[in-house]
Amino acid sequence: MKLKNILLAVNDIERSKVFYRELFGLTPILEQEGNIILTEGLVLQDARTWEEALGCPVISPNHASELYFEEPDIGRFVKVLKGYKEEIRYAEQLTVLPWGQKRIRIYDPDGNLIEVRTPAAREQNYE
């Protein structure tokens, strides 16, 4: 068995598509009505379509999951966040962890939690 995608139910699929493209570089691979598959395996689905399929409401925000990204130049990423056209909601400002990794946590437009860290020291290239 192989995990193929992670799906997020979103209220405004176009807004979310722009958010993930402009901040994380994820671009559409396939767009169908109410459903967009982005690079890296992230799928955005219209919340109304999701609610119809499941027969129950989408509950946002929740802290039951998190998208995790690594970014070697986290300082650049923080500047991108500050310059973003919409206000970014922070769960945690830029933090340096005891072992040297840097981390920031934000929410996407629908309240999905996102963590961005620098790669672990063993993965970084110090040349």
Protein backbone atom coordinates (compact mmCIF):
# COMPACT_ATOMS: atom_id res chain seq x y z
CA MET A 1 0.00 0.00 0.00
CA LYS A 2 1.18 3.52 -0.79
CA LEU A 3 -0.11 6.88 0.46
CA LYS A 4 -0.87 8.95 -2.62
CA ASN A 5 -2.38 12.22 -1.40
CA ILE A 6 -3.43 14.36 1.54
CA LEU A 7 -6.79 16.08 1.05
CA LEU A 8 -7.90 19.33 2.67
CA ALA A 9 -11.52 20.48 2.49
CA VAL A 10 -11.46 24.25 1.87
CA ASN A 11 -14.13 26.93 1.73
CA ASP A 12 -12.64 28.92 -1.17
CA ILE A 13 -10.68 26.63 -3.47
CA GLU A 14 -9.26 29.47 -5.60
CA ARG A 15 -8.03 31.38 -2.55
CA SER A 16 -6.39 28.22 -1.20
CA LYS A 17 -4.83 27.43 -4.57
CA VAL A 18 -3.20 30.88 -4.62
CA PHE A 19 -2.09 30.55 -0.97
CA TYR A 20 -0.32 27.23 -1.54
CA ARG A 21 1.20 28.38 -4.85
CA GLU A 22 2.51 31.72 -3.63
CA LEU A 23 3.80 30.59 -0.24
CA PHE A 24 4.83 26.98 -0.86
CA GLY A 25 5.35 26.74 -4.63
CA LEU A 26 2.70 24.03 -5.07
CA THR A 27 1.13 24.13 -8.51
CA PRO A 28 -1.93 22.37 -9.94
CA ILE A 29 -1.42 19.02 -11.65
CA LEU A 30 -5.11 18.41 -12.28
CA GLU A 31 -8.18 20.57 -11.77
CA GLN A 32 -11.64 19.07 -11.80
CA GLU A 33 -14.85 20.60 -10.55
CA GLY A 34 -14.42 21.18 -6.84
CA ASN A 35 -11.08 19.36 -6.68
CA ILE A 36 -7.47 20.41 -7.38
CA ILE A 37 -4.47 18.09 -7.13
CA LEU A 38 -1.32 20.07 -6.38
CA THR A 39 2.31 19.04 -6.67
CA GLU A 40 3.74 17.20 -3.65
CA GLY A 41 0.46 15.27 -3.23
CA LEU A 42 -1.73 17.93 -1.66
CA VAL A 43 -5.37 17.90 -2.80
CA LEU A 44 -7.77 20.76 -2.24
CA GLN A 45 -11.47 19.95 -2.33
CA ASP A 46 -14.41 22.29 -2.05
CA ALA A 47 -15.83 21.91 1.46
CA ARG A 48 -19.41 21.75 0.16
CA THR A 49 -18.50 18.80 -2.09
CA TRP A 50 -16.82 17.09 0.85
CA GLU A 51 -19.81 17.68 3.13
CA GLU A 52 -22.17 16.25 0.51
CA ALA A 53 -19.98 13.17 0.09
CA LEU A 54 -19.72 12.51 3.85
CA GLY A 55 -23.10 13.77 4.94
CA CYS A 56 -21.64 15.83 7.77
CA PRO A 57 -20.14 19.31 8.19
CA VAL A 58 -16.48 20.20 7.80
CA ILE A 59 -15.18 21.50 11.13
CA SER A 60 -12.52 24.16 10.75
CA PRO A 61 -10.19 25.00 12.28
CA ASN A 62 -9.02 21.95 14.14
CA HIS A 63 -5.66 20.88 15.47
CA ALA A 64 -5.94 17.19 14.66
CA SER A 65 -3.38 17.35 11.86
CA GLU A 66 -0.58 19.46 10.45
CA LEU A 67 1.12 19.91 7.10
CA TYR A 68 4.90 19.82 7.51
CA PHE A 69 7.33 21.54 5.16
CA GLU A 70 11.10 21.99 5.30
CA GLU A 71 12.76 25.17 4.07
CA PRO A 72 16.53 25.71 4.32
CA ASP A 73 16.13 29.51 4.00
CA ILE A 74 13.46 30.06 6.63
CA GLY A 75 14.43 33.73 6.93
CA ARG A 76 13.38 34.24 3.32
CA PHE A 77 10.14 32.37 3.99
CA VAL A 78 9.36 34.63 6.99
CA LYS A 79 9.83 37.68 4.72
CA VAL A 80 7.45 36.14 2.16
CA LEU A 81 4.87 35.64 4.92
CA LYS A 82 5.21 39.27 6.04
CA GLY A 83 4.72 40.49 2.47
CA TYR A 84 1.77 38.23 1.66
CA LYS A 85 -1.32 40.06 0.43
CA GLU A 86 -3.56 38.56 3.14
CA GLU A 87 -2.97 38.56 6.87
CA ILE A 88 -1.22 35.38 8.01
CA ARG A 89 -2.47 33.82 11.24
CA TYR A 90 0.40 32.50 13.32
CA ALA A 91 0.20 29.56 15.69
CA GLU A 92 3.85 30.10 16.61
CA GLN A 93 6.31 32.78 15.59
CA LEU A 94 9.78 31.83 14.39
CA THR A 95 11.43 29.77 17.12
CA VAL A 96 14.89 28.27 17.45
CA LEU A 97 14.69 24.80 18.96
CA PRO A 98 17.31 23.64 21.51
CA TRP A 99 19.15 21.57 18.87
CA GLY A 100 19.34 24.50 16.42
CA GLN A 101 16.46 23.83 14.04
CA LYS A 102 14.18 26.78 13.34
CA ARG A 103 10.40 26.42 13.23
CA ILE A 104 7.36 28.54 12.48
CA ARG A 105 3.69 27.51 12.53
CA ILE A 106 0.91 29.23 10.63
CA TYR A 107 -2.66 28.54 9.54
CA ASP A 108 -3.91 28.38 5.98
CA PRO A 109 -7.06 30.39 5.09
CA ASP A 110 -9.28 27.60 6.45
CA GLY A 111 -7.42 27.13 9.71
CA ASN A 112 -5.37 24.08 8.73
CA LEU A 113 -2.14 24.04 10.73
CA ILE A 114 1.15 24.26 8.82
CA GLU A 115 4.63 23.84 10.26
CA VAL A 116 7.77 24.95 8.43
CA ARG A 117 11.21 23.99 9.73
CA THR A 118 14.75 24.16 8.59
CA PRO A 119 16.12 20.71 7.76
CA ALA A 120 17.67 18.82 10.67
CA ALA A 121 21.39 19.51 11.07
CA ARG A 122 22.33 16.08 9.74
CA GLU A 123 20.47 16.92 6.50
CA GLN A 124 21.90 20.41 6.00
CA ASN A 125 24.82 21.07 3.72
CA TYR A 126 27.26 23.43 5.46
CA GLU A 127 29.56 24.06 2.52
